[in-house]
Amino acid sequence: MRGTGMSLAALAACVAAPAVGQSAREQSISAYGRGDYAAAAEISRRACDEDDLASCTLLGALHLDGLGVVQDESRAAVLFSKACDGGESAACHNLGSMHIAGQGMPVDEARAATFYNAACDGGDAMGCSDLGVMYEDGRGVTGGVERAATLYNRACVGGEPLGCYNLGRLFEDGVGVDHNPLLALEFYLQAFDLGPNAGLMAHVEDAIERLGGF
C-alpha cells in the first residue's frame, strides 16, 4: 500500500471550535464535521469569494464528492486551482490526485507530479509521499528510487504514516537505499505510532511482525 489519494480527510477531522467568535472558515469546517454539507458549502462559498483559500479547498472537496452541492469535478478543479495558486498546499495535492485519476481532466502524470511537488514544498506531507510513489514508479518524473526515499523521509518527518511505511519498505528490500532491516523496522514502528488508517495499519503490523518487532 503506497498511495495516492486526496488530502480531504484532514478537513473532516478538524475539531469544531466554540460557536461564539467563529470565523467563516471555522463555521464551514464545523458544519462539515457534523455532516451538514449544504451549510458547509454555502459558508465556504461566501468565504472563498472573499479569498479564504482553505474555504475554497473545502468547497472544491464538496463539489468533487457531491456533498451539499451538485457533483462537479470541473468546478472542483477550478476551486482547487485558485487555492493552490494562493499557496494552499492541500489544494495542490488534490489537483495532483485529480490529474492522476483523470477526474474532470485528462490523465496527466507530469502535471500531477508538478502539483504534488508544490504540495510537498508547501508542507503537505501526503503530497511528499505521493510524489515519492511517482519517483519510485518512474511515472511522470525522472530521478529514481533514491529521490523517492528522500520524499518518503520528508513525508514521515511531516507526520504522514504512509511515508514512514514506504521508507521502511525500501530499507527492508534494499531498493534505492542500503538494505537495513533494523532501520526498516524503525520506520514501520514510526508509522504505527502515527496511527494510520485501518487499511495501512494491517500492512504496518504485518511488516513489524515480519521483522520481529512484536
N, C-alpha and C. Protein backbone atom coordinates (compact mmCIF):
# COMPACT_ATOMS: atom_id res chain seq x y z
N MET A 1 0.86 -1.20 0.00
CA MET A 1 0.00 0.00 0.00
C MET A 1 0.88 1.23 0.00
N ARG A 2 0.78 2.08 -1.06
CA ARG A 2 1.73 3.18 -1.19
C ARG A 2 1.08 4.53 -1.40
N GLY A 3 -0.14 4.71 -1.78
CA GLY A 3 -0.78 5.97 -2.14
C GLY A 3 -1.35 5.78 -3.52
N THR A 4 -1.96 6.69 -4.12
CA THR A 4 -2.15 8.07 -3.80
C THR A 4 -3.61 8.38 -3.51
N GLY A 5 -3.91 9.56 -2.97
CA GLY A 5 -5.29 9.91 -2.68
C GLY A 5 -5.44 11.38 -2.38
N MET A 6 -6.66 11.76 -2.11
CA MET A 6 -6.96 13.16 -1.85
C MET A 6 -6.58 13.57 -0.43
N SER A 7 -6.21 14.83 -0.27
CA SER A 7 -5.94 15.40 1.06
C SER A 7 -7.21 16.01 1.62
N LEU A 8 -8.25 15.21 1.79
CA LEU A 8 -9.53 15.73 2.23
C LEU A 8 -9.88 15.29 3.64
N ALA A 9 -9.36 14.16 4.06
CA ALA A 9 -9.76 13.62 5.35
C ALA A 9 -9.43 14.56 6.50
N ALA A 10 -8.34 15.31 6.37
CA ALA A 10 -7.96 16.22 7.46
C ALA A 10 -9.01 17.28 7.70
N LEU A 11 -9.73 17.67 6.66
CA LEU A 11 -10.77 18.67 6.84
C LEU A 11 -11.88 18.13 7.72
N ALA A 12 -12.26 16.88 7.48
CA ALA A 12 -13.34 16.28 8.26
C ALA A 12 -12.91 16.01 9.69
N ALA A 13 -11.61 15.87 9.90
CA ALA A 13 -11.12 15.53 11.22
C ALA A 13 -10.95 16.74 12.13
N CYS A 14 -11.11 17.94 11.57
CA CYS A 14 -10.95 19.15 12.38
C CYS A 14 -11.97 19.18 13.51
N VAL A 15 -11.53 19.59 14.67
CA VAL A 15 -12.43 19.68 15.82
C VAL A 15 -13.16 21.01 15.78
N ALA A 16 -14.45 20.97 15.92
CA ALA A 16 -15.24 22.19 15.87
C ALA A 16 -14.88 23.10 17.04
N ALA A 17 -14.71 24.38 16.74
CA ALA A 17 -14.43 25.37 17.77
C ALA A 17 -15.75 25.85 18.36
N PRO A 18 -15.72 26.51 19.50
CA PRO A 18 -16.96 27.05 20.05
C PRO A 18 -17.64 27.97 19.06
N ALA A 19 -18.98 28.01 19.08
CA ALA A 19 -19.73 28.78 18.09
C ALA A 19 -19.45 30.27 18.19
N VAL A 20 -19.26 30.78 19.41
CA VAL A 20 -19.05 32.21 19.59
C VAL A 20 -17.69 32.60 19.01
N GLY A 21 -17.71 33.61 18.12
CA GLY A 21 -16.47 34.12 17.59
C GLY A 21 -15.88 33.29 16.47
N GLN A 22 -16.62 32.33 15.95
CA GLN A 22 -16.09 31.52 14.87
C GLN A 22 -15.95 32.34 13.59
N SER A 23 -14.86 32.13 12.89
CA SER A 23 -14.71 32.70 11.56
C SER A 23 -15.56 31.91 10.58
N ALA A 24 -15.74 32.44 9.37
CA ALA A 24 -16.49 31.71 8.35
C ALA A 24 -15.84 30.37 8.06
N ARG A 25 -14.52 30.35 8.04
CA ARG A 25 -13.80 29.10 7.79
C ARG A 25 -14.10 28.09 8.88
N GLU A 26 -14.04 28.53 10.13
CA GLU A 26 -14.31 27.62 11.25
C GLU A 26 -15.76 27.14 11.23
N GLN A 27 -16.67 28.02 10.85
CA GLN A 27 -18.08 27.61 10.76
C GLN A 27 -18.28 26.54 9.69
N SER A 28 -17.62 26.71 8.55
CA SER A 28 -17.78 25.73 7.47
C SER A 28 -17.19 24.39 7.85
N ILE A 29 -16.05 24.41 8.54
CA ILE A 29 -15.44 23.15 8.97
C ILE A 29 -16.31 22.48 10.03
N SER A 30 -16.89 23.28 10.93
CA SER A 30 -17.79 22.73 11.94
C SER A 30 -19.00 22.07 11.29
N ALA A 31 -19.58 22.76 10.30
CA ALA A 31 -20.73 22.20 9.60
C ALA A 31 -20.36 20.91 8.87
N TYR A 32 -19.19 20.92 8.24
CA TYR A 32 -18.70 19.71 7.56
C TYR A 32 -18.55 18.56 8.54
N GLY A 33 -17.96 18.86 9.69
CA GLY A 33 -17.71 17.82 10.68
C GLY A 33 -18.98 17.19 11.23
N ARG A 34 -20.06 17.95 11.30
CA ARG A 34 -21.30 17.38 11.82
C ARG A 34 -22.22 16.86 10.70
N GLY A 35 -21.71 16.90 9.46
CA GLY A 35 -22.46 16.32 8.35
C GLY A 35 -23.46 17.25 7.69
N ASP A 36 -23.44 18.54 8.03
CA ASP A 36 -24.34 19.50 7.41
C ASP A 36 -23.63 20.08 6.20
N TYR A 37 -23.59 19.29 5.12
CA TYR A 37 -22.78 19.66 3.97
C TYR A 37 -23.33 20.85 3.21
N ALA A 38 -24.65 21.00 3.18
CA ALA A 38 -25.24 22.16 2.49
C ALA A 38 -24.81 23.46 3.16
N ALA A 39 -24.84 23.47 4.48
CA ALA A 39 -24.39 24.66 5.20
C ALA A 39 -22.90 24.89 5.00
N ALA A 40 -22.13 23.82 5.06
CA ALA A 40 -20.68 23.93 4.85
C ALA A 40 -20.38 24.52 3.47
N ALA A 41 -21.14 24.08 2.47
CA ALA A 41 -20.92 24.58 1.11
C ALA A 41 -21.26 26.06 0.99
N GLU A 42 -22.37 26.47 1.57
CA GLU A 42 -22.77 27.87 1.47
C GLU A 42 -21.81 28.79 2.21
N ILE A 43 -21.41 28.38 3.41
CA ILE A 43 -20.46 29.20 4.17
C ILE A 43 -19.12 29.25 3.44
N SER A 44 -18.69 28.10 2.93
CA SER A 44 -17.41 28.05 2.21
C SER A 44 -17.45 28.89 0.94
N ARG A 45 -18.59 28.88 0.25
CA ARG A 45 -18.70 29.67 -0.97
C ARG A 45 -18.51 31.15 -0.67
N ARG A 46 -19.19 31.62 0.38
CA ARG A 46 -19.06 33.05 0.73
C ARG A 46 -17.62 33.38 1.14
N ALA A 47 -17.01 32.51 1.92
CA ALA A 47 -15.64 32.76 2.38
C ALA A 47 -14.65 32.68 1.22
N CYS A 48 -14.87 31.72 0.32
CA CYS A 48 -13.99 31.59 -0.85
C CYS A 48 -14.08 32.83 -1.72
N ASP A 49 -15.29 33.38 -1.87
CA ASP A 49 -15.46 34.61 -2.65
C ASP A 49 -14.65 35.75 -2.06
N GLU A 50 -14.34 35.65 -0.76
CA GLU A 50 -13.53 36.66 -0.09
C GLU A 50 -12.06 36.22 0.03
N ASP A 51 -11.72 35.19 -0.79
CA ASP A 51 -10.34 34.71 -0.92
C ASP A 51 -9.81 33.99 0.31
N ASP A 52 -10.71 33.35 1.07
CA ASP A 52 -10.27 32.41 2.11
C ASP A 52 -9.96 31.10 1.40
N LEU A 53 -8.67 30.83 1.20
CA LEU A 53 -8.25 29.74 0.33
C LEU A 53 -8.54 28.36 0.93
N ALA A 54 -8.51 28.25 2.25
CA ALA A 54 -8.88 26.97 2.88
C ALA A 54 -10.35 26.66 2.61
N SER A 55 -11.19 27.71 2.61
CA SER A 55 -12.60 27.52 2.31
C SER A 55 -12.80 27.13 0.84
N CYS A 56 -11.99 27.68 -0.05
CA CYS A 56 -12.05 27.27 -1.45
C CYS A 56 -11.71 25.78 -1.58
N THR A 57 -10.73 25.33 -0.81
CA THR A 57 -10.35 23.92 -0.84
C THR A 57 -11.48 23.04 -0.35
N LEU A 58 -12.11 23.44 0.74
CA LEU A 58 -13.23 22.65 1.27
C LEU A 58 -14.39 22.65 0.28
N LEU A 59 -14.69 23.78 -0.32
CA LEU A 59 -15.77 23.84 -1.30
C LEU A 59 -15.46 22.96 -2.50
N GLY A 60 -14.21 22.96 -2.92
CA GLY A 60 -13.80 22.06 -4.00
C GLY A 60 -14.01 20.61 -3.65
N ALA A 61 -13.69 20.25 -2.41
CA ALA A 61 -13.88 18.87 -1.95
C ALA A 61 -15.36 18.49 -1.97
N LEU A 62 -16.20 19.42 -1.57
CA LEU A 62 -17.64 19.16 -1.56
C LEU A 62 -18.17 18.97 -2.99
N HIS A 63 -17.69 19.79 -3.91
CA HIS A 63 -18.10 19.63 -5.30
C HIS A 63 -17.56 18.31 -5.88
N LEU A 64 -16.37 17.94 -5.48
CA LEU A 64 -15.78 16.71 -6.01
C LEU A 64 -16.61 15.49 -5.60
N ASP A 65 -17.10 15.50 -4.37
CA ASP A 65 -17.84 14.36 -3.84
C ASP A 65 -19.35 14.53 -3.93
N GLY A 66 -19.82 15.73 -4.36
CA GLY A 66 -21.26 15.95 -4.43
C GLY A 66 -21.92 15.99 -3.08
N LEU A 67 -21.28 16.61 -2.11
CA LEU A 67 -21.80 16.71 -0.76
C LEU A 67 -22.33 18.12 -0.52
N GLY A 68 -23.65 18.25 -0.44
CA GLY A 68 -24.27 19.55 -0.19
C GLY A 68 -24.36 20.43 -1.42
N VAL A 69 -23.77 19.99 -2.51
CA VAL A 69 -23.79 20.71 -3.78
C VAL A 69 -23.84 19.66 -4.90
N VAL A 70 -24.10 20.14 -6.11
CA VAL A 70 -24.08 19.24 -7.27
C VAL A 70 -22.64 18.77 -7.50
N GLN A 71 -22.47 17.48 -7.73
CA GLN A 71 -21.13 16.98 -8.02
C GLN A 71 -20.64 17.57 -9.33
N ASP A 72 -19.47 18.19 -9.30
CA ASP A 72 -18.96 18.89 -10.46
C ASP A 72 -17.43 18.88 -10.38
N GLU A 73 -16.81 17.92 -11.06
CA GLU A 73 -15.36 17.79 -10.99
C GLU A 73 -14.65 18.99 -11.60
N SER A 74 -15.22 19.56 -12.66
CA SER A 74 -14.60 20.73 -13.28
C SER A 74 -14.60 21.92 -12.34
N ARG A 75 -15.71 22.11 -11.62
CA ARG A 75 -15.79 23.20 -10.65
C ARG A 75 -14.81 22.95 -9.50
N ALA A 76 -14.70 21.70 -9.07
CA ALA A 76 -13.74 21.37 -8.02
C ALA A 76 -12.32 21.74 -8.45
N ALA A 77 -11.98 21.43 -9.70
CA ALA A 77 -10.64 21.73 -10.19
C ALA A 77 -10.38 23.23 -10.21
N VAL A 78 -11.39 24.01 -10.60
CA VAL A 78 -11.24 25.48 -10.60
C VAL A 78 -10.98 26.00 -9.19
N LEU A 79 -11.73 25.48 -8.23
CA LEU A 79 -11.57 25.92 -6.84
C LEU A 79 -10.22 25.50 -6.28
N PHE A 80 -9.82 24.26 -6.55
CA PHE A 80 -8.51 23.80 -6.09
C PHE A 80 -7.40 24.63 -6.74
N SER A 81 -7.56 24.98 -8.02
CA SER A 81 -6.55 25.78 -8.70
C SER A 81 -6.41 27.15 -8.06
N LYS A 82 -7.53 27.77 -7.75
CA LYS A 82 -7.49 29.09 -7.09
C LYS A 82 -6.74 28.99 -5.76
N ALA A 83 -7.07 27.97 -4.98
CA ALA A 83 -6.43 27.81 -3.68
C ALA A 83 -4.95 27.45 -3.81
N CYS A 84 -4.65 26.55 -4.74
CA CYS A 84 -3.25 26.16 -4.95
C CYS A 84 -2.41 27.34 -5.40
N ASP A 85 -2.94 28.13 -6.33
CA ASP A 85 -2.20 29.31 -6.80
C ASP A 85 -1.91 30.28 -5.65
N GLY A 86 -2.77 30.26 -4.64
CA GLY A 86 -2.57 31.12 -3.48
C GLY A 86 -1.73 30.50 -2.39
N GLY A 87 -1.23 29.27 -2.62
CA GLY A 87 -0.32 28.64 -1.67
C GLY A 87 -0.95 27.66 -0.72
N GLU A 88 -2.19 27.22 -0.99
CA GLU A 88 -2.87 26.24 -0.14
C GLU A 88 -2.41 24.85 -0.56
N SER A 89 -1.54 24.24 0.23
CA SER A 89 -0.86 23.01 -0.19
C SER A 89 -1.81 21.83 -0.37
N ALA A 90 -2.85 21.73 0.47
CA ALA A 90 -3.80 20.63 0.33
C ALA A 90 -4.51 20.69 -1.01
N ALA A 91 -4.80 21.91 -1.48
CA ALA A 91 -5.45 22.06 -2.79
C ALA A 91 -4.52 21.62 -3.90
N CYS A 92 -3.24 21.93 -3.78
CA CYS A 92 -2.27 21.47 -4.78
C CYS A 92 -2.24 19.94 -4.82
N HIS A 93 -2.25 19.33 -3.66
CA HIS A 93 -2.25 17.87 -3.60
C HIS A 93 -3.49 17.31 -4.27
N ASN A 94 -4.64 17.90 -4.01
CA ASN A 94 -5.87 17.41 -4.60
C ASN A 94 -5.86 17.53 -6.12
N LEU A 95 -5.29 18.61 -6.64
CA LEU A 95 -5.16 18.75 -8.08
C LEU A 95 -4.26 17.66 -8.65
N GLY A 96 -3.19 17.35 -7.95
CA GLY A 96 -2.32 16.26 -8.39
C GLY A 96 -3.08 14.95 -8.48
N SER A 97 -3.89 14.67 -7.47
CA SER A 97 -4.65 13.43 -7.44
C SER A 97 -5.70 13.40 -8.55
N MET A 98 -6.29 14.56 -8.86
CA MET A 98 -7.25 14.60 -9.95
C MET A 98 -6.58 14.33 -11.29
N HIS A 99 -5.37 14.84 -11.47
CA HIS A 99 -4.63 14.56 -12.71
C HIS A 99 -4.23 13.09 -12.81
N ILE A 100 -3.91 12.48 -11.69
CA ILE A 100 -3.57 11.05 -11.69
C ILE A 100 -4.78 10.22 -12.08
N ALA A 101 -5.94 10.56 -11.52
CA ALA A 101 -7.15 9.77 -11.71
C ALA A 101 -7.94 10.15 -12.96
N GLY A 102 -7.59 11.29 -13.57
CA GLY A 102 -8.36 11.76 -14.71
C GLY A 102 -9.74 12.23 -14.32
N GLN A 103 -9.86 12.86 -13.16
CA GLN A 103 -11.14 13.37 -12.68
C GLN A 103 -11.35 14.79 -13.18
N GLY A 104 -12.29 14.97 -14.11
CA GLY A 104 -12.58 16.29 -14.64
C GLY A 104 -11.53 16.81 -15.59
N MET A 105 -10.59 15.97 -15.96
CA MET A 105 -9.48 16.36 -16.83
C MET A 105 -8.80 15.09 -17.32
N PRO A 106 -8.03 15.19 -18.43
CA PRO A 106 -7.30 14.01 -18.90
C PRO A 106 -6.22 13.60 -17.90
N VAL A 107 -5.91 12.32 -17.86
CA VAL A 107 -4.79 11.85 -17.04
C VAL A 107 -3.51 12.52 -17.53
N ASP A 108 -2.76 13.09 -16.61
CA ASP A 108 -1.51 13.77 -16.95
C ASP A 108 -0.56 13.60 -15.77
N GLU A 109 0.29 12.59 -15.85
CA GLU A 109 1.15 12.27 -14.70
C GLU A 109 2.21 13.35 -14.47
N ALA A 110 2.70 13.98 -15.53
CA ALA A 110 3.69 15.04 -15.34
C ALA A 110 3.08 16.23 -14.60
N ARG A 111 1.85 16.59 -14.96
CA ARG A 111 1.17 17.67 -14.25
C ARG A 111 0.88 17.28 -12.80
N ALA A 112 0.50 16.02 -12.62
CA ALA A 112 0.25 15.54 -11.26
C ALA A 112 1.50 15.71 -10.40
N ALA A 113 2.65 15.33 -10.96
CA ALA A 113 3.90 15.45 -10.22
C ALA A 113 4.21 16.90 -9.87
N THR A 114 3.90 17.81 -10.80
CA THR A 114 4.13 19.23 -10.53
C THR A 114 3.30 19.70 -9.35
N PHE A 115 2.04 19.28 -9.31
CA PHE A 115 1.18 19.71 -8.20
C PHE A 115 1.57 19.02 -6.89
N TYR A 116 1.94 17.75 -6.96
CA TYR A 116 2.41 17.07 -5.75
C TYR A 116 3.67 17.75 -5.21
N ASN A 117 4.54 18.18 -6.11
CA ASN A 117 5.75 18.86 -5.68
C ASN A 117 5.43 20.18 -4.99
N ALA A 118 4.47 20.92 -5.56
CA ALA A 118 4.05 22.17 -4.92
C ALA A 118 3.45 21.90 -3.55
N ALA A 119 2.65 20.84 -3.46
CA ALA A 119 2.06 20.48 -2.17
C ALA A 119 3.13 20.13 -1.15
N CYS A 120 4.09 19.33 -1.58
CA CYS A 120 5.17 18.90 -0.69
C CYS A 120 5.98 20.10 -0.21
N ASP A 121 6.34 20.99 -1.15
CA ASP A 121 7.11 22.17 -0.78
C ASP A 121 6.32 23.09 0.15
N GLY A 122 4.98 23.00 0.07
CA GLY A 122 4.14 23.82 0.94
C GLY A 122 3.86 23.19 2.29
N GLY A 123 4.43 22.01 2.54
CA GLY A 123 4.27 21.38 3.84
C GLY A 123 3.23 20.29 3.92
N ASP A 124 2.67 19.87 2.78
CA ASP A 124 1.69 18.79 2.75
C ASP A 124 2.43 17.46 2.72
N ALA A 125 2.46 16.75 3.82
CA ALA A 125 3.24 15.53 3.91
C ALA A 125 2.73 14.44 2.97
N MET A 126 1.41 14.38 2.78
CA MET A 126 0.87 13.39 1.85
C MET A 126 1.32 13.68 0.42
N GLY A 127 1.47 14.97 0.10
CA GLY A 127 1.99 15.32 -1.21
C GLY A 127 3.40 14.78 -1.41
N CYS A 128 4.22 14.87 -0.37
CA CYS A 128 5.58 14.32 -0.45
C CYS A 128 5.53 12.80 -0.67
N SER A 129 4.65 12.13 0.07
CA SER A 129 4.55 10.68 -0.04
C SER A 129 4.09 10.26 -1.43
N ASP A 130 3.06 10.94 -1.95
CA ASP A 130 2.54 10.57 -3.26
C ASP A 130 3.53 10.91 -4.37
N LEU A 131 4.27 12.00 -4.22
CA LEU A 131 5.32 12.30 -5.19
C LEU A 131 6.41 11.23 -5.13
N GLY A 132 6.70 10.75 -3.93
CA GLY A 132 7.67 9.66 -3.79
C GLY A 132 7.24 8.42 -4.54
N VAL A 133 5.96 8.10 -4.51
CA VAL A 133 5.45 6.95 -5.25
C VAL A 133 5.70 7.14 -6.75
N MET A 134 5.50 8.35 -7.24
CA MET A 134 5.71 8.60 -8.66
C MET A 134 7.18 8.44 -9.03
N TYR A 135 8.08 8.89 -8.16
CA TYR A 135 9.51 8.70 -8.43
C TYR A 135 9.87 7.22 -8.34
N GLU A 136 9.33 6.52 -7.40
CA GLU A 136 9.64 5.09 -7.28
C GLU A 136 9.20 4.32 -8.52
N ASP A 137 8.03 4.71 -9.06
CA ASP A 137 7.49 4.01 -10.22
C ASP A 137 7.94 4.61 -11.55
N GLY A 138 8.62 5.77 -11.51
CA GLY A 138 9.03 6.41 -12.75
C GLY A 138 7.87 6.93 -13.57
N ARG A 139 6.86 7.45 -12.90
CA ARG A 139 5.65 7.92 -13.58
C ARG A 139 5.62 9.45 -13.60
N GLY A 140 5.80 10.04 -14.77
CA GLY A 140 5.72 11.49 -14.91
C GLY A 140 6.93 12.24 -14.44
N VAL A 141 7.95 11.52 -13.96
CA VAL A 141 9.15 12.15 -13.43
C VAL A 141 10.36 11.29 -13.78
N THR A 142 11.53 11.87 -13.65
CA THR A 142 12.78 11.11 -13.73
C THR A 142 13.60 11.44 -12.49
N GLY A 143 14.34 10.49 -12.01
CA GLY A 143 15.15 10.75 -10.82
C GLY A 143 15.40 9.51 -10.00
N GLY A 144 14.56 8.51 -10.12
CA GLY A 144 14.84 7.23 -9.50
C GLY A 144 14.37 7.08 -8.07
N VAL A 145 14.64 5.89 -7.56
CA VAL A 145 14.15 5.50 -6.24
C VAL A 145 14.86 6.27 -5.13
N GLU A 146 16.08 6.70 -5.40
CA GLU A 146 16.79 7.48 -4.38
C GLU A 146 16.01 8.75 -4.04
N ARG A 147 15.46 9.38 -5.07
CA ARG A 147 14.64 10.58 -4.83
C ARG A 147 13.36 10.21 -4.09
N ALA A 148 12.81 9.05 -4.41
CA ALA A 148 11.62 8.58 -3.70
C ALA A 148 11.91 8.44 -2.21
N ALA A 149 13.06 7.89 -1.87
CA ALA A 149 13.41 7.70 -0.47
C ALA A 149 13.48 9.04 0.27
N THR A 150 14.06 10.04 -0.39
CA THR A 150 14.13 11.37 0.21
C THR A 150 12.74 11.94 0.48
N LEU A 151 11.86 11.76 -0.49
CA LEU A 151 10.50 12.27 -0.34
C LEU A 151 9.72 11.51 0.72
N TYR A 152 9.89 10.20 0.78
CA TYR A 152 9.23 9.43 1.82
C TYR A 152 9.70 9.88 3.19
N ASN A 153 10.99 10.20 3.30
CA ASN A 153 11.51 10.67 4.59
C ASN A 153 10.89 12.01 4.97
N ARG A 154 10.76 12.91 3.99
CA ARG A 154 10.10 14.20 4.27
C ARG A 154 8.67 13.98 4.73
N ALA A 155 7.99 13.05 4.09
CA ALA A 155 6.60 12.76 4.47
C ALA A 155 6.54 12.20 5.89
N CYS A 156 7.45 11.31 6.20
CA CYS A 156 7.48 10.69 7.53
C CYS A 156 7.75 11.73 8.60
N VAL A 157 8.73 12.59 8.36
CA VAL A 157 9.05 13.66 9.31
C VAL A 157 7.85 14.59 9.49
N GLY A 158 7.08 14.75 8.41
CA GLY A 158 5.90 15.60 8.46
C GLY A 158 4.69 14.95 9.10
N GLY A 159 4.82 13.70 9.53
CA GLY A 159 3.73 13.05 10.25
C GLY A 159 2.82 12.20 9.39
N GLU A 160 3.24 11.86 8.16
CA GLU A 160 2.42 11.03 7.29
C GLU A 160 2.85 9.56 7.43
N PRO A 161 2.01 8.71 8.04
CA PRO A 161 2.42 7.32 8.27
C PRO A 161 2.75 6.54 7.01
N LEU A 162 2.08 6.87 5.89
CA LEU A 162 2.37 6.17 4.65
C LEU A 162 3.79 6.43 4.19
N GLY A 163 4.29 7.65 4.44
CA GLY A 163 5.68 7.95 4.10
C GLY A 163 6.64 7.10 4.91
N CYS A 164 6.36 6.95 6.21
CA CYS A 164 7.21 6.11 7.06
C CYS A 164 7.18 4.66 6.59
N TYR A 165 5.98 4.17 6.29
CA TYR A 165 5.84 2.78 5.83
C TYR A 165 6.60 2.56 4.52
N ASN A 166 6.43 3.47 3.57
CA ASN A 166 7.09 3.30 2.28
C ASN A 166 8.61 3.35 2.42
N LEU A 167 9.11 4.23 3.30
CA LEU A 167 10.55 4.29 3.51
C LEU A 167 11.04 3.01 4.17
N GLY A 168 10.27 2.51 5.14
CA GLY A 168 10.64 1.23 5.75
C GLY A 168 10.70 0.11 4.73
N ARG A 169 9.75 0.10 3.81
CA ARG A 169 9.72 -0.92 2.76
C ARG A 169 10.97 -0.87 1.89
N LEU A 170 11.43 0.36 1.55
CA LEU A 170 12.64 0.48 0.75
C LEU A 170 13.86 -0.06 1.50
N PHE A 171 13.96 0.26 2.80
CA PHE A 171 15.10 -0.24 3.57
C PHE A 171 15.01 -1.76 3.76
N GLU A 172 13.82 -2.29 3.91
CA GLU A 172 13.68 -3.74 4.06
C GLU A 172 14.10 -4.46 2.78
N ASP A 173 13.75 -3.89 1.63
CA ASP A 173 14.05 -4.53 0.36
C ASP A 173 15.41 -4.12 -0.22
N GLY A 174 16.02 -3.08 0.35
CA GLY A 174 17.29 -2.60 -0.19
C GLY A 174 17.14 -1.99 -1.57
N VAL A 175 16.07 -1.26 -1.80
CA VAL A 175 15.80 -0.64 -3.09
C VAL A 175 16.01 0.87 -2.97
N GLY A 176 17.02 1.39 -3.67
CA GLY A 176 17.31 2.81 -3.63
C GLY A 176 18.06 3.26 -2.40
N VAL A 177 18.17 2.38 -1.43
CA VAL A 177 18.89 2.63 -0.18
C VAL A 177 19.57 1.32 0.21
N ASP A 178 20.48 1.40 1.17
CA ASP A 178 21.14 0.18 1.65
C ASP A 178 20.13 -0.73 2.35
N HIS A 179 20.28 -2.02 2.15
CA HIS A 179 19.44 -2.99 2.86
C HIS A 179 19.70 -2.88 4.36
N ASN A 180 18.67 -2.56 5.12
CA ASN A 180 18.85 -2.33 6.55
C ASN A 180 17.55 -2.67 7.28
N PRO A 181 17.37 -3.95 7.65
CA PRO A 181 16.13 -4.36 8.31
C PRO A 181 15.86 -3.63 9.63
N LEU A 182 16.91 -3.30 10.37
CA LEU A 182 16.71 -2.61 11.64
C LEU A 182 16.14 -1.21 11.42
N LEU A 183 16.68 -0.53 10.42
CA LEU A 183 16.16 0.79 10.11
C LEU A 183 14.75 0.70 9.52
N ALA A 184 14.52 -0.34 8.74
CA ALA A 184 13.17 -0.57 8.21
C ALA A 184 12.17 -0.72 9.35
N LEU A 185 12.54 -1.51 10.34
CA LEU A 185 11.67 -1.72 11.49
C LEU A 185 11.40 -0.40 12.21
N GLU A 186 12.44 0.42 12.33
CA GLU A 186 12.27 1.72 13.00
C GLU A 186 11.21 2.56 12.28
N PHE A 187 11.26 2.58 10.96
CA PHE A 187 10.28 3.37 10.21
C PHE A 187 8.89 2.74 10.27
N TYR A 188 8.81 1.42 10.27
CA TYR A 188 7.50 0.77 10.43
C TYR A 188 6.89 1.12 11.78
N LEU A 189 7.73 1.15 12.81
CA LEU A 189 7.22 1.49 14.14
C LEU A 189 6.78 2.95 14.20
N GLN A 190 7.49 3.83 13.50
CA GLN A 190 7.05 5.22 13.44
C GLN A 190 5.69 5.31 12.77
N ALA A 191 5.49 4.55 11.69
CA ALA A 191 4.20 4.53 11.01
C ALA A 191 3.11 4.07 11.97
N PHE A 192 3.40 3.04 12.73
CA PHE A 192 2.44 2.50 13.70
C PHE A 192 2.08 3.56 14.74
N ASP A 193 3.09 4.26 15.25
CA ASP A 193 2.86 5.26 16.29
C ASP A 193 2.03 6.45 15.78
N LEU A 194 2.10 6.71 14.48
CA LEU A 194 1.36 7.83 13.91
C LEU A 194 -0.12 7.50 13.70
N GLY A 195 -0.51 6.24 13.94
CA GLY A 195 -1.91 5.87 13.87
C GLY A 195 -2.50 5.88 12.48
N PRO A 196 -1.99 5.06 11.57
CA PRO A 196 -2.52 5.04 10.20
C PRO A 196 -3.94 4.51 10.15
N ASN A 197 -4.60 4.70 9.00
CA ASN A 197 -5.95 4.17 8.85
C ASN A 197 -5.93 2.64 8.86
N ALA A 198 -7.09 2.04 8.93
CA ALA A 198 -7.17 0.59 9.12
C ALA A 198 -6.49 -0.18 8.01
N GLY A 199 -6.66 0.29 6.76
CA GLY A 199 -6.04 -0.41 5.64
C GLY A 199 -4.53 -0.42 5.72
N LEU A 200 -3.93 0.73 6.00
CA LEU A 200 -2.49 0.80 6.12
C LEU A 200 -2.01 0.11 7.38
N MET A 201 -2.76 0.20 8.46
CA MET A 201 -2.36 -0.43 9.71
C MET A 201 -2.11 -1.92 9.54
N ALA A 202 -2.94 -2.57 8.75
CA ALA A 202 -2.76 -4.01 8.53
C ALA A 202 -1.40 -4.29 7.89
N HIS A 203 -1.00 -3.46 6.92
CA HIS A 203 0.30 -3.63 6.28
C HIS A 203 1.43 -3.33 7.26
N VAL A 204 1.25 -2.29 8.05
CA VAL A 204 2.28 -1.90 9.02
C VAL A 204 2.48 -3.02 10.05
N GLU A 205 1.40 -3.54 10.58
CA GLU A 205 1.51 -4.60 11.58
C GLU A 205 2.15 -5.85 11.00
N ASP A 206 1.81 -6.19 9.76
CA ASP A 206 2.43 -7.35 9.11
C ASP A 206 3.93 -7.14 8.97
N ALA A 207 4.33 -5.92 8.58
CA ALA A 207 5.75 -5.64 8.40
C ALA A 207 6.51 -5.71 9.72
N ILE A 208 5.92 -5.16 10.77
CA ILE A 208 6.56 -5.18 12.09
C ILE A 208 6.73 -6.62 12.57
N GLU A 209 5.69 -7.41 12.43
CA GLU A 209 5.77 -8.81 12.84
C GLU A 209 6.78 -9.58 12.00
N ARG A 210 6.85 -9.27 10.72
CA ARG A 210 7.78 -9.95 9.82
C ARG A 210 9.23 -9.70 10.26
N LEU A 211 9.49 -8.52 10.80
CA LEU A 211 10.85 -8.19 11.22
C LEU A 211 11.07 -8.39 12.72
N GLY A 212 10.11 -9.06 13.36
CA GLY A 212 10.28 -9.44 14.76
C GLY A 212 10.06 -8.31 15.74
N GLY A 213 9.25 -7.32 15.36
CA GLY A 213 9.08 -6.16 16.22
C GLY A 213 8.02 -6.34 17.30
N PHE A 214 7.13 -7.32 17.16
CA PHE A 214 6.09 -7.55 18.16
C PHE A 214 6.39 -8.84 18.92
